[in-house]
Amino acid sequence: KLNQDAILIIDALDECDNEHGGRDELLNALQGQQSSSPRLRILATGRP
């Protein structure tokens, strides 16, 4: 809405608890925004 660029860092995605699907929800939200918003850049780290 504000045509604002931003950077977000998400570290250690593998340490996000996925017992109730939280990590999956986060990954789905990030994947969904990939095509919709060039405004937000995300540096994410994790184990493979």
ModelCIF file with pLDDT and N, C-alpha, C, O atoms, coordinates in Angstrom:
data_MODEL
#
_entry.id   MODEL 
#
_entity.id                         1 
_entity.type                       polymer 
_entity.pdbx_number_of_molecules   1 
#
_entity_poly.entity_id                      1 
_entity_poly.type                           'polypeptide(L)' 
_entity_poly.nstd_linkage                   no 
_entity_poly.nstd_monomer                   no 
_entity_poly.pdbx_seq_one_letter_code       KLNQDAILIIDALDECDNEHGGRDELLNALQGQQSSSPRLRILATGRP 
_entity_poly.pdbx_seq_one_letter_code_can   KLNQDAILIIDALDECDNEHGGRDELLNALQGQQSSSPRLRILATGRP 
_entity_poly.pdbx_strand_id                 A 
#
loop_
_entity_poly_seq.entity_id 
_entity_poly_seq.num 
_entity_poly_seq.mon_id 
_entity_poly_seq.hetero 
1 1  LYS n 
1 2  LEU n 
1 3  ASN n 
1 4  GLN n 
1 5  ASP n 
1 6  ALA n 
1 7  ILE n 
1 8  LEU n 
1 9  ILE n 
1 10 ILE n 
1 11 ASP n 
1 12 ALA n 
1 13 LEU n 
1 14 ASP n 
1 15 GLU n 
1 16 CYS n 
1 17 ASP n 
1 18 ASN n 
1 19 GLU n 
1 20 HIS n 
1 21 GLY n 
1 22 GLY n 
1 23 ARG n 
1 24 ASP n 
1 25 GLU n 
1 26 LEU n 
1 27 LEU n 
1 28 ASN n 
1 29 ALA n 
1 30 LEU n 
1 31 GLN n 
1 32 GLY n 
1 33 GLN n 
1 34 GLN n 
1 35 SER n 
1 36 SER n 
1 37 SER n 
1 38 PRO n 
1 39 ARG n 
1 40 LEU n 
1 41 ARG n 
1 42 ILE n 
1 43 LEU n 
1 44 ALA n 
1 45 THR n 
1 46 GLY n 
1 47 ARG n 
1 48 PRO n 
#
_struct_asym.id          A 
_struct_asym.entity_id   1 
#
loop_
_ma_qa_metric.id 
_ma_qa_metric.mode 
_ma_qa_metric.name 
_ma_qa_metric.software_group_id 
_ma_qa_metric.type 
1 global pLDDT . pLDDT 
2 local  pLDDT . pLDDT 
#
_ma_qa_metric_global.metric_id      1 
_ma_qa_metric_global.metric_value   83.52 
_ma_qa_metric_global.model_id       1 
_ma_qa_metric_global.ordinal_id     1 
#
loop_
_ma_qa_metric_local.label_asym_id 
_ma_qa_metric_local.label_comp_id 
_ma_qa_metric_local.label_seq_id 
_ma_qa_metric_local.metric_id 
_ma_qa_metric_local.metric_value 
_ma_qa_metric_local.model_id 
_ma_qa_metric_local.ordinal_id 
A LYS 1  2 89.00 1 1  
A LEU 2  2 88.00 1 2  
A ASN 3  2 87.00 1 3  
A GLN 4  2 85.00 1 4  
A ASP 5  2 85.00 1 5  
A ALA 6  2 89.00 1 6  
A ILE 7  2 92.00 1 7  
A LEU 8  2 93.00 1 8  
A ILE 9  2 94.00 1 9  
A ILE 10 2 93.00 1 10 
A ASP 11 2 91.00 1 11 
A ALA 12 2 89.00 1 12 
A LEU 13 2 90.00 1 13 
A ASP 14 2 88.00 1 14 
A GLU 15 2 87.00 1 15 
A CYS 16 2 86.00 1 16 
A ASP 17 2 81.00 1 17 
A ASN 18 2 80.00 1 18 
A GLU 19 2 80.00 1 19 
A HIS 20 2 79.00 1 20 
A GLY 21 2 81.00 1 21 
A GLY 22 2 84.00 1 22 
A ARG 23 2 87.00 1 23 
A ASP 24 2 87.00 1 24 
A GLU 25 2 88.00 1 25 
A LEU 26 2 88.00 1 26 
A LEU 27 2 86.00 1 27 
A ASN 28 2 86.00 1 28 
A ALA 29 2 86.00 1 29 
A LEU 30 2 83.00 1 30 
A GLN 31 2 80.00 1 31 
A GLY 32 2 74.00 1 32 
A GLN 33 2 69.00 1 33 
A GLN 34 2 58.00 1 34 
A SER 35 2 54.00 1 35 
A SER 36 2 55.00 1 36 
A SER 37 2 57.00 1 37 
A PRO 38 2 63.00 1 38 
A ARG 39 2 78.00 1 39 
A LEU 40 2 87.00 1 40 
A ARG 41 2 90.00 1 41 
A ILE 42 2 92.00 1 42 
A LEU 43 2 94.00 1 43 
A ALA 44 2 93.00 1 44 
A THR 45 2 94.00 1 45 
A GLY 46 2 92.00 1 46 
A ARG 47 2 91.00 1 47 
A PRO 48 2 86.00 1 48 
#
loop_
_atom_site.group_PDB 
_atom_site.id 
_atom_site.type_symbol 
_atom_site.label_atom_id 
_atom_site.label_alt_id 
_atom_site.label_comp_id 
_atom_site.label_asym_id 
_atom_site.label_entity_id 
_atom_site.label_seq_id 
_atom_site.pdbx_PDB_ins_code 
_atom_site.Cartn_x 
_atom_site.Cartn_y 
_atom_site.Cartn_z 
_atom_site.occupancy 
_atom_site.B_iso_or_equiv 
_atom_site.pdbx_formal_charge 
_atom_site.auth_seq_id 
_atom_site.auth_comp_id 
_atom_site.auth_asym_id 
_atom_site.auth_atom_id 
_atom_site.pdbx_PDB_model_num 
ATOM 1   N N  . LYS A 1 1  ? 0.824  -1.210  0.000  1.00 89.00 ? 1  LYS A N  1 
ATOM 2   C CA . LYS A 1 1  ? 0.000  0.000   0.000  1.00 89.00 ? 1  LYS A CA 1 
ATOM 3   C C  . LYS A 1 1  ? 0.861  1.264   0.000  1.00 89.00 ? 1  LYS A C  1 
ATOM 4   O O  . LYS A 1 1  ? 0.516  2.252   -0.648 1.00 89.00 ? 1  LYS A O  1 
ATOM 5   N N  . LEU A 1 2  ? 1.972  1.232   0.721  1.00 88.00 ? 2  LEU A N  1 
ATOM 6   C CA . LEU A 1 2  ? 2.845  2.397   0.812  1.00 88.00 ? 2  LEU A CA 1 
ATOM 7   C C  . LEU A 1 2  ? 3.987  2.364   -0.206 1.00 88.00 ? 2  LEU A C  1 
ATOM 8   O O  . LEU A 1 2  ? 4.836  3.255   -0.231 1.00 88.00 ? 2  LEU A O  1 
ATOM 9   N N  . ASN A 1 3  ? 3.996  1.322   -1.045 1.00 87.00 ? 3  ASN A N  1 
ATOM 10  C CA . ASN A 1 3  ? 5.050  1.171   -2.050 1.00 87.00 ? 3  ASN A CA 1 
ATOM 11  C C  . ASN A 1 3  ? 6.430  1.227   -1.385 1.00 87.00 ? 3  ASN A C  1 
ATOM 12  O O  . ASN A 1 3  ? 7.347  1.886   -1.873 1.00 87.00 ? 3  ASN A O  1 
ATOM 13  N N  . GLN A 1 4  ? 6.549  0.520   -0.264 1.00 85.00 ? 4  GLN A N  1 
ATOM 14  C CA . GLN A 1 4  ? 7.747  0.546   0.587  1.00 85.00 ? 4  GLN A CA 1 
ATOM 15  C C  . GLN A 1 4  ? 8.536  -0.751  0.436  1.00 85.00 ? 4  GLN A C  1 
ATOM 16  O O  . GLN A 1 4  ? 7.966  -1.839  0.499  1.00 85.00 ? 4  GLN A O  1 
ATOM 17  N N  . ASP A 1 5  ? 9.845  -0.634  0.237  1.00 85.00 ? 5  ASP A N  1 
ATOM 18  C CA . ASP A 1 5  ? 10.728 -1.799  0.223  1.00 85.00 ? 5  ASP A CA 1 
ATOM 19  C C  . ASP A 1 5  ? 11.189 -2.094  1.645  1.00 85.00 ? 5  ASP A C  1 
ATOM 20  O O  . ASP A 1 5  ? 11.345 -1.181  2.456  1.00 85.00 ? 5  ASP A O  1 
ATOM 21  N N  . ALA A 1 6  ? 11.403 -3.362  1.940  1.00 89.00 ? 6  ALA A N  1 
ATOM 22  C CA . ALA A 1 6  ? 11.844 -3.752  3.277  1.00 89.00 ? 6  ALA A CA 1 
ATOM 23  C C  . ALA A 1 6  ? 12.606 -5.065  3.211  1.00 89.00 ? 6  ALA A C  1 
ATOM 24  O O  . ALA A 1 6  ? 12.435 -5.856  2.284  1.00 89.00 ? 6  ALA A O  1 
ATOM 25  N N  . ILE A 1 7  ? 13.449 -5.281  4.212  1.00 92.00 ? 7  ILE A N  1 
ATOM 26  C CA . ILE A 1 7  ? 14.163 -6.546  4.359  1.00 92.00 ? 7  ILE A CA 1 
ATOM 27  C C  . ILE A 1 7  ? 13.774 -7.164  5.700  1.00 92.00 ? 7  ILE A C  1 
ATOM 28  O O  . ILE A 1 7  ? 13.700 -6.488  6.726  1.00 92.00 ? 7  ILE A O  1 
ATOM 29  N N  . LEU A 1 8  ? 13.527 -8.474  5.651  1.00 93.00 ? 8  LEU A N  1 
ATOM 30  C CA . LEU A 1 8  ? 13.205 -9.275  6.833  1.00 93.00 ? 8  LEU A CA 1 
ATOM 31  C C  . LEU A 1 8  ? 14.196 -10.430 6.880  1.00 93.00 ? 8  LEU A C  1 
ATOM 32  O O  . LEU A 1 8  ? 14.445 -11.083 5.866  1.00 93.00 ? 8  LEU A O  1 
ATOM 33  N N  . ILE A 1 9  ? 14.759 -10.681 8.050  1.00 94.00 ? 9  ILE A N  1 
ATOM 34  C CA . ILE A 1 9  ? 15.636 -11.833 8.244  1.00 94.00 ? 9  ILE A CA 1 
ATOM 35  C C  . ILE A 1 9  ? 14.905 -12.842 9.113  1.00 94.00 ? 9  ILE A C  1 
ATOM 36  O O  . ILE A 1 9  ? 14.383 -12.510 10.177 1.00 94.00 ? 9  ILE A O  1 
ATOM 37  N N  . ILE A 1 10 ? 14.880 -14.080 8.637  1.00 93.00 ? 10 ILE A N  1 
ATOM 38  C CA . ILE A 1 10 ? 14.325 -15.186 9.416  1.00 93.00 ? 10 ILE A CA 1 
ATOM 39  C C  . ILE A 1 10 ? 15.438 -16.220 9.547  1.00 93.00 ? 10 ILE A C  1 
ATOM 40  O O  . ILE A 1 10 ? 15.833 -16.849 8.566  1.00 93.00 ? 10 ILE A O  1 
ATOM 41  N N  . ASP A 1 11 ? 15.936 -16.387 10.758 1.00 91.00 ? 11 ASP A N  1 
ATOM 42  C CA . ASP A 1 11 ? 17.059 -17.287 10.995 1.00 91.00 ? 11 ASP A CA 1 
ATOM 43  C C  . ASP A 1 11 ? 16.580 -18.593 11.610 1.00 91.00 ? 11 ASP A C  1 
ATOM 44  O O  . ASP A 1 11 ? 15.678 -18.608 12.447 1.00 91.00 ? 11 ASP A O  1 
ATOM 45  N N  . ALA A 1 12 ? 17.193 -19.677 11.187 1.00 89.00 ? 12 ALA A N  1 
ATOM 46  C CA . ALA A 1 12 ? 16.989 -21.017 11.759 1.00 89.00 ? 12 ALA A CA 1 
ATOM 47  C C  . ALA A 1 12 ? 15.559 -21.522 11.564 1.00 89.00 ? 12 ALA A C  1 
ATOM 48  O O  . ALA A 1 12 ? 14.893 -21.906 12.526 1.00 89.00 ? 12 ALA A O  1 
ATOM 49  N N  . LEU A 1 13 ? 15.097 -21.520 10.327 1.00 90.00 ? 13 LEU A N  1 
ATOM 50  C CA . LEU A 1 13 ? 13.757 -22.051 10.029 1.00 90.00 ? 13 LEU A CA 1 
ATOM 51  C C  . LEU A 1 13 ? 13.586 -23.476 10.551 1.00 90.00 ? 13 LEU A C  1 
ATOM 52  O O  . LEU A 1 13 ? 12.490 -23.863 10.957 1.00 90.00 ? 13 LEU A O  1 
ATOM 53  N N  . ASP A 1 14 ? 14.656 -24.247 10.540 1.00 88.00 ? 14 ASP A N  1 
ATOM 54  C CA . ASP A 1 14 ? 14.598 -25.631 11.009 1.00 88.00 ? 14 ASP A CA 1 
ATOM 55  C C  . ASP A 1 14 ? 14.324 -25.725 12.510 1.00 88.00 ? 14 ASP A C  1 
ATOM 56  O O  . ASP A 1 14 ? 13.922 -26.782 12.997 1.00 88.00 ? 14 ASP A O  1 
ATOM 57  N N  . GLU A 1 15 ? 14.535 -24.636 13.245 1.00 87.00 ? 15 GLU A N  1 
ATOM 58  C CA . GLU A 1 15 ? 14.284 -24.654 14.687 1.00 87.00 ? 15 GLU A CA 1 
ATOM 59  C C  . GLU A 1 15 ? 12.878 -24.177 15.049 1.00 87.00 ? 15 GLU A C  1 
ATOM 60  O O  . GLU A 1 15 ? 12.512 -24.124 16.223 1.00 87.00 ? 15 GLU A O  1 
ATOM 61  N N  . CYS A 1 16 ? 12.108 -23.836 14.041 1.00 86.00 ? 16 CYS A N  1 
ATOM 62  C CA . CYS A 1 16 ? 10.702 -23.496 14.256 1.00 86.00 ? 16 CYS A CA 1 
ATOM 63  C C  . CYS A 1 16 ? 9.928  -24.792 14.472 1.00 86.00 ? 16 CYS A C  1 
ATOM 64  O O  . CYS A 1 16 ? 9.969  -25.689 13.630 1.00 86.00 ? 16 CYS A O  1 
ATOM 65  N N  . ASP A 1 17 ? 9.239  -24.890 15.575 1.00 81.00 ? 17 ASP A N  1 
ATOM 66  C CA . ASP A 1 17 ? 8.491  -26.097 15.924 1.00 81.00 ? 17 ASP A CA 1 
ATOM 67  C C  . ASP A 1 17 ? 7.435  -26.393 14.865 1.00 81.00 ? 17 ASP A C  1 
ATOM 68  O O  . ASP A 1 17 ? 6.672  -25.510 14.474 1.00 81.00 ? 17 ASP A O  1 
ATOM 69  N N  . ASN A 1 18 ? 7.399  -27.618 14.413 1.00 80.00 ? 18 ASN A N  1 
ATOM 70  C CA . ASN A 1 18 ? 6.423  -27.992 13.396 1.00 80.00 ? 18 ASN A CA 1 
ATOM 71  C C  . ASN A 1 18 ? 5.437  -29.039 13.902 1.00 80.00 ? 18 ASN A C  1 
ATOM 72  O O  . ASN A 1 18 ? 4.736  -29.676 13.116 1.00 80.00 ? 18 ASN A O  1 
ATOM 73  N N  . GLU A 1 19 ? 5.389  -29.209 15.220 1.00 80.00 ? 19 GLU A N  1 
ATOM 74  C CA . GLU A 1 19 ? 4.495  -30.220 15.793 1.00 80.00 ? 19 GLU A CA 1 
ATOM 75  C C  . GLU A 1 19 ? 3.047  -29.977 15.396 1.00 80.00 ? 19 GLU A C  1 
ATOM 76  O O  . GLU A 1 19 ? 2.300  -30.924 15.151 1.00 80.00 ? 19 GLU A O  1 
ATOM 77  N N  . HIS A 1 20 ? 2.650  -28.711 15.333 1.00 79.00 ? 20 HIS A N  1 
ATOM 78  C CA . HIS A 1 20 ? 1.276  -28.367 14.950 1.00 79.00 ? 20 HIS A CA 1 
ATOM 79  C C  . HIS A 1 20 ? 1.231  -27.691 13.581 1.00 79.00 ? 20 HIS A C  1 
ATOM 80  O O  . HIS A 1 20 ? 0.262  -27.005 13.254 1.00 79.00 ? 20 HIS A O  1 
ATOM 81  N N  . GLY A 1 21 ? 2.280  -27.887 12.783 1.00 81.00 ? 21 GLY A N  1 
ATOM 82  C CA . GLY A 1 21 ? 2.306  -27.359 11.426 1.00 81.00 ? 21 GLY A CA 1 
ATOM 83  C C  . GLY A 1 21 ? 2.749  -25.920 11.293 1.00 81.00 ? 21 GLY A C  1 
ATOM 84  O O  . GLY A 1 21 ? 2.570  -25.330 10.228 1.00 81.00 ? 21 GLY A O  1 
ATOM 85  N N  . GLY A 1 22 ? 3.324  -25.325 12.340 1.00 84.00 ? 22 GLY A N  1 
ATOM 86  C CA . GLY A 1 22 ? 3.734  -23.922 12.306 1.00 84.00 ? 22 GLY A CA 1 
ATOM 87  C C  . GLY A 1 22 ? 4.767  -23.617 11.239 1.00 84.00 ? 22 GLY A C  1 
ATOM 88  O O  . GLY A 1 22 ? 4.641  -22.633 10.510 1.00 84.00 ? 22 GLY A O  1 
ATOM 89  N N  . ARG A 1 23 ? 5.793  -24.460 11.143 1.00 87.00 ? 23 ARG A N  1 
ATOM 90  C CA . ARG A 1 23 ? 6.828  -24.221 10.133 1.00 87.00 ? 23 ARG A CA 1 
ATOM 91  C C  . ARG A 1 23 ? 6.236  -24.340 8.729  1.00 87.00 ? 23 ARG A C  1 
ATOM 92  O O  . ARG A 1 23 ? 6.563  -23.554 7.841  1.00 87.00 ? 23 ARG A O  1 
ATOM 93  N N  . ASP A 1 24 ? 5.372  -25.320 8.539  1.00 87.00 ? 24 ASP A N  1 
ATOM 94  C CA . ASP A 1 24 ? 4.730  -25.480 7.231  1.00 87.00 ? 24 ASP A CA 1 
ATOM 95  C C  . ASP A 1 24 ? 3.899  -24.251 6.877  1.00 87.00 ? 24 ASP A C  1 
ATOM 96  O O  . ASP A 1 24 ? 3.902  -23.804 5.730  1.00 87.00 ? 24 ASP A O  1 
ATOM 97  N N  . GLU A 1 25 ? 3.183  -23.704 7.868  1.00 88.00 ? 25 GLU A N  1 
ATOM 98  C CA . GLU A 1 25 ? 2.395  -22.486 7.634  1.00 88.00 ? 25 GLU A CA 1 
ATOM 99  C C  . GLU A 1 25 ? 3.289  -21.321 7.235  1.00 88.00 ? 25 GLU A C  1 
ATOM 100 O O  . GLU A 1 25 ? 2.974  -20.570 6.312  1.00 88.00 ? 25 GLU A O  1 
ATOM 101 N N  . LEU A 1 26 ? 4.405  -21.179 7.937  1.00 88.00 ? 26 LEU A N  1 
ATOM 102 C CA . LEU A 1 26 ? 5.339  -20.102 7.623  1.00 88.00 ? 26 LEU A CA 1 
ATOM 103 C C  . LEU A 1 26 ? 5.897  -20.265 6.216  1.00 88.00 ? 26 LEU A C  1 
ATOM 104 O O  . LEU A 1 26 ? 5.912  -19.311 5.439  1.00 88.00 ? 26 LEU A O  1 
ATOM 105 N N  . LEU A 1 27 ? 6.355  -21.469 5.885  1.00 86.00 ? 27 LEU A N  1 
ATOM 106 C CA . LEU A 1 27 ? 6.910  -21.709 4.553  1.00 86.00 ? 27 LEU A CA 1 
ATOM 107 C C  . LEU A 1 27 ? 5.872  -21.469 3.461  1.00 86.00 ? 27 LEU A C  1 
ATOM 108 O O  . LEU A 1 27 ? 6.198  -20.918 2.410  1.00 86.00 ? 27 LEU A O  1 
ATOM 109 N N  . ASN A 1 28 ? 4.628  -21.878 3.698  1.00 86.00 ? 28 ASN A N  1 
ATOM 110 C CA . ASN A 1 28 ? 3.556  -21.625 2.727  1.00 86.00 ? 28 ASN A CA 1 
ATOM 111 C C  . ASN A 1 28 ? 3.307  -20.133 2.559  1.00 86.00 ? 28 ASN A C  1 
ATOM 112 O O  . ASN A 1 28 ? 3.107  -19.662 1.440  1.00 86.00 ? 28 ASN A O  1 
ATOM 113 N N  . ALA A 1 29 ? 3.317  -19.386 3.657  1.00 86.00 ? 29 ALA A N  1 
ATOM 114 C CA . ALA A 1 29 ? 3.108  -17.936 3.589  1.00 86.00 ? 29 ALA A CA 1 
ATOM 115 C C  . ALA A 1 29 ? 4.253  -17.268 2.829  1.00 86.00 ? 29 ALA A C  1 
ATOM 116 O O  . ALA A 1 29 ? 4.022  -16.361 2.030  1.00 86.00 ? 29 ALA A O  1 
ATOM 117 N N  . LEU A 1 30 ? 5.476  -17.712 3.075  1.00 83.00 ? 30 LEU A N  1 
ATOM 118 C CA . LEU A 1 30 ? 6.626  -17.144 2.380  1.00 83.00 ? 30 LEU A CA 1 
ATOM 119 C C  . LEU A 1 30 ? 6.582  -17.479 0.892  1.00 83.00 ? 30 LEU A C  1 
ATOM 120 O O  . LEU A 1 30 ? 6.858  -16.632 0.043  1.00 83.00 ? 30 LEU A O  1 
ATOM 121 N N  . GLN A 1 31 ? 6.235  -18.719 0.594  1.00 80.00 ? 31 GLN A N  1 
ATOM 122 C CA . GLN A 1 31 ? 6.138  -19.125 -0.807 1.00 80.00 ? 31 GLN A CA 1 
ATOM 123 C C  . GLN A 1 31 ? 5.033  -18.348 -1.515 1.00 80.00 ? 31 GLN A C  1 
ATOM 124 O O  . GLN A 1 31 ? 5.189  -17.958 -2.672 1.00 80.00 ? 31 GLN A O  1 
ATOM 125 N N  . GLY A 1 32 ? 3.924  -18.124 -0.826 1.00 74.00 ? 32 GLY A N  1 
ATOM 126 C CA . GLY A 1 32 ? 2.810  -17.377 -1.401 1.00 74.00 ? 32 GLY A CA 1 
ATOM 127 C C  . GLY A 1 32 ? 3.168  -15.937 -1.692 1.00 74.00 ? 32 GLY A C  1 
ATOM 128 O O  . GLY A 1 32 ? 2.675  -15.367 -2.665 1.00 74.00 ? 32 GLY A O  1 
ATOM 129 N N  . GLN A 1 33 ? 4.004  -15.340 -0.883 1.00 69.00 ? 33 GLN A N  1 
ATOM 130 C CA . GLN A 1 33 ? 4.367  -13.941 -1.096 1.00 69.00 ? 33 GLN A CA 1 
ATOM 131 C C  . GLN A 1 33 ? 5.439  -13.798 -2.163 1.00 69.00 ? 33 GLN A C  1 
ATOM 132 O O  . GLN A 1 33 ? 5.654  -12.693 -2.663 1.00 69.00 ? 33 GLN A O  1 
ATOM 133 N N  . GLN A 1 34 ? 6.112  -14.870 -2.526 1.00 58.00 ? 34 GLN A N  1 
ATOM 134 C CA . GLN A 1 34 ? 7.188  -14.787 -3.524 1.00 58.00 ? 34 GLN A CA 1 
ATOM 135 C C  . GLN A 1 34 ? 6.740  -14.099 -4.799 1.00 58.00 ? 34 GLN A C  1 
ATOM 136 O O  . GLN A 1 34 ? 7.458  -13.261 -5.343 1.00 58.00 ? 34 GLN A O  1 
ATOM 137 N N  . SER A 1 35 ? 5.575  -14.444 -5.267 1.00 54.00 ? 35 SER A N  1 
ATOM 138 C CA . SER A 1 35 ? 5.128  -13.872 -6.533 1.00 54.00 ? 35 SER A CA 1 
ATOM 139 C C  . SER A 1 35 ? 4.316  -12.600 -6.336 1.00 54.00 ? 35 SER A C  1 
ATOM 140 O O  . SER A 1 35 ? 4.171  -11.806 -7.266 1.00 54.00 ? 35 SER A O  1 
ATOM 141 N N  . SER A 1 36 ? 3.790  -12.403 -5.141 1.00 55.00 ? 36 SER A N  1 
ATOM 142 C CA . SER A 1 36 ? 2.873  -11.283 -4.947 1.00 55.00 ? 36 SER A CA 1 
ATOM 143 C C  . SER A 1 36 ? 3.549  -9.978  -4.526 1.00 55.00 ? 36 SER A C  1 
ATOM 144 O O  . SER A 1 36 ? 3.017  -8.903  -4.803 1.00 55.00 ? 36 SER A O  1 
ATOM 145 N N  . SER A 1 37 ? 4.700  -10.043 -3.870 1.00 57.00 ? 37 SER A N  1 
ATOM 146 C CA . SER A 1 37 ? 5.264  -8.807  -3.337 1.00 57.00 ? 37 SER A CA 1 
ATOM 147 C C  . SER A 1 37 ? 6.765  -8.689  -3.550 1.00 57.00 ? 37 SER A C  1 
ATOM 148 O O  . SER A 1 37 ? 7.554  -9.284  -2.815 1.00 57.00 ? 37 SER A O  1 
ATOM 149 N N  . PRO A 1 38 ? 7.154  -7.919  -4.559 1.00 63.00 ? 38 PRO A N  1 
ATOM 150 C CA . PRO A 1 38 ? 8.584  -7.655  -4.694 1.00 63.00 ? 38 PRO A CA 1 
ATOM 151 C C  . PRO A 1 38 ? 9.070  -6.640  -3.660 1.00 63.00 ? 38 PRO A C  1 
ATOM 152 O O  . PRO A 1 38 ? 10.268 -6.365  -3.589 1.00 63.00 ? 38 PRO A O  1 
ATOM 153 N N  . ARG A 1 39 ? 8.168  -6.082  -2.863 1.00 78.00 ? 39 ARG A N  1 
ATOM 154 C CA . ARG A 1 39 ? 8.506  -5.085  -1.849 1.00 78.00 ? 39 ARG A CA 1 
ATOM 155 C C  . ARG A 1 39 ? 9.313  -5.689  -0.707 1.00 78.00 ? 39 ARG A C  1 
ATOM 156 O O  . ARG A 1 39 ? 10.201 -5.035  -0.160 1.00 78.00 ? 39 ARG A O  1 
ATOM 157 N N  . LEU A 1 40 ? 9.014  -6.928  -0.346 1.00 87.00 ? 40 LEU A N  1 
ATOM 158 C CA . LEU A 1 40 ? 9.654  -7.555  0.808  1.00 87.00 ? 40 LEU A CA 1 
ATOM 159 C C  . LEU A 1 40 ? 10.725 -8.524  0.340  1.00 87.00 ? 40 LEU A C  1 
ATOM 160 O O  . LEU A 1 40 ? 10.461 -9.433  -0.447 1.00 87.00 ? 40 LEU A O  1 
ATOM 161 N N  . ARG A 1 41 ? 11.939 -8.314  0.838  1.00 90.00 ? 41 ARG A N  1 
ATOM 162 C CA . ARG A 1 41 ? 13.032 -9.246  0.606  1.00 90.00 ? 41 ARG A CA 1 
ATOM 163 C C  . ARG A 1 41 ? 13.262 -10.001 1.910  1.00 90.00 ? 41 ARG A C  1 
ATOM 164 O O  . ARG A 1 41 ? 13.303 -9.398  2.982  1.00 90.00 ? 41 ARG A O  1 
ATOM 165 N N  . ILE A 1 42 ? 13.410 -11.314 1.818  1.00 92.00 ? 42 ILE A N  1 
ATOM 166 C CA . ILE A 1 42 ? 13.580 -12.137 3.004  1.00 92.00 ? 42 ILE A CA 1 
ATOM 167 C C  . ILE A 1 42 ? 14.870 -12.950 2.884  1.00 92.00 ? 42 ILE A C  1 
ATOM 168 O O  . ILE A 1 42 ? 15.045 -13.732 1.950  1.00 92.00 ? 42 ILE A O  1 
ATOM 169 N N  . LEU A 1 43 ? 15.763 -12.748 3.844  1.00 94.00 ? 43 LEU A N  1 
ATOM 170 C CA . LEU A 1 43 ? 16.926 -13.620 3.986  1.00 94.00 ? 43 LEU A CA 1 
ATOM 171 C C  . LEU A 1 43 ? 16.528 -14.658 5.023  1.00 94.00 ? 43 LEU A C  1 
ATOM 172 O O  . LEU A 1 43 ? 16.271 -14.324 6.179  1.00 94.00 ? 43 LEU A O  1 
ATOM 173 N N  . ALA A 1 44 ? 16.477 -15.912 4.606  1.00 93.00 ? 44 ALA A N  1 
ATOM 174 C CA . ALA A 1 44 ? 16.095 -16.998 5.512  1.00 93.00 ? 44 ALA A CA 1 
ATOM 175 C C  . ALA A 1 44 ? 17.219 -18.015 5.575  1.00 93.00 ? 44 ALA A C  1 
ATOM 176 O O  . ALA A 1 44 ? 17.853 -18.323 4.565  1.00 93.00 ? 44 ALA A O  1 
ATOM 177 N N  . THR A 1 45 ? 17.460 -18.535 6.777  1.00 94.00 ? 45 THR A N  1 
ATOM 178 C CA . THR A 1 45 ? 18.500 -19.560 6.959  1.00 94.00 ? 45 THR A CA 1 
ATOM 179 C C  . THR A 1 45 ? 17.880 -20.795 7.578  1.00 94.00 ? 45 THR A C  1 
ATOM 180 O O  . THR A 1 45 ? 16.824 -20.734 8.208  1.00 94.00 ? 45 THR A O  1 
ATOM 181 N N  . GLY A 1 46 ? 18.558 -21.917 7.386  1.00 92.00 ? 46 GLY A N  1 
ATOM 182 C CA . GLY A 1 46 ? 18.099 -23.156 7.984  1.00 92.00 ? 46 GLY A CA 1 
ATOM 183 C C  . GLY A 1 46 ? 18.969 -24.323 7.562  1.00 92.00 ? 46 GLY A C  1 
ATOM 184 O O  . GLY A 1 46 ? 19.859 -24.192 6.723  1.00 92.00 ? 46 GLY A O  1 
ATOM 185 N N  . ARG A 1 47 ? 18.691 -25.446 8.156  1.00 91.00 ? 47 ARG A N  1 
ATOM 186 C CA . ARG A 1 47 ? 19.375 -26.694 7.760  1.00 91.00 ? 47 ARG A CA 1 
ATOM 187 C C  . ARG A 1 47 ? 18.603 -27.279 6.573  1.00 91.00 ? 47 ARG A C  1 
ATOM 188 O O  . ARG A 1 47 ? 17.396 -27.065 6.453  1.00 91.00 ? 47 ARG A O  1 
ATOM 189 N N  . PRO A 1 48 ? 19.274 -27.995 5.722  1.00 86.00 ? 48 PRO A N  1 
ATOM 190 C CA . PRO A 1 48 ? 18.610 -28.551 4.526  1.00 86.00 ? 48 PRO A CA 1 
ATOM 191 C C  . PRO A 1 48 ? 17.770 -29.789 4.853  1.00 86.00 ? 48 PRO A C  1 
ATOM 192 O O  . PRO A 1 48 ? 17.153 -30.370 3.960  1.00 86.00 ? 48 PRO A O  1 
#
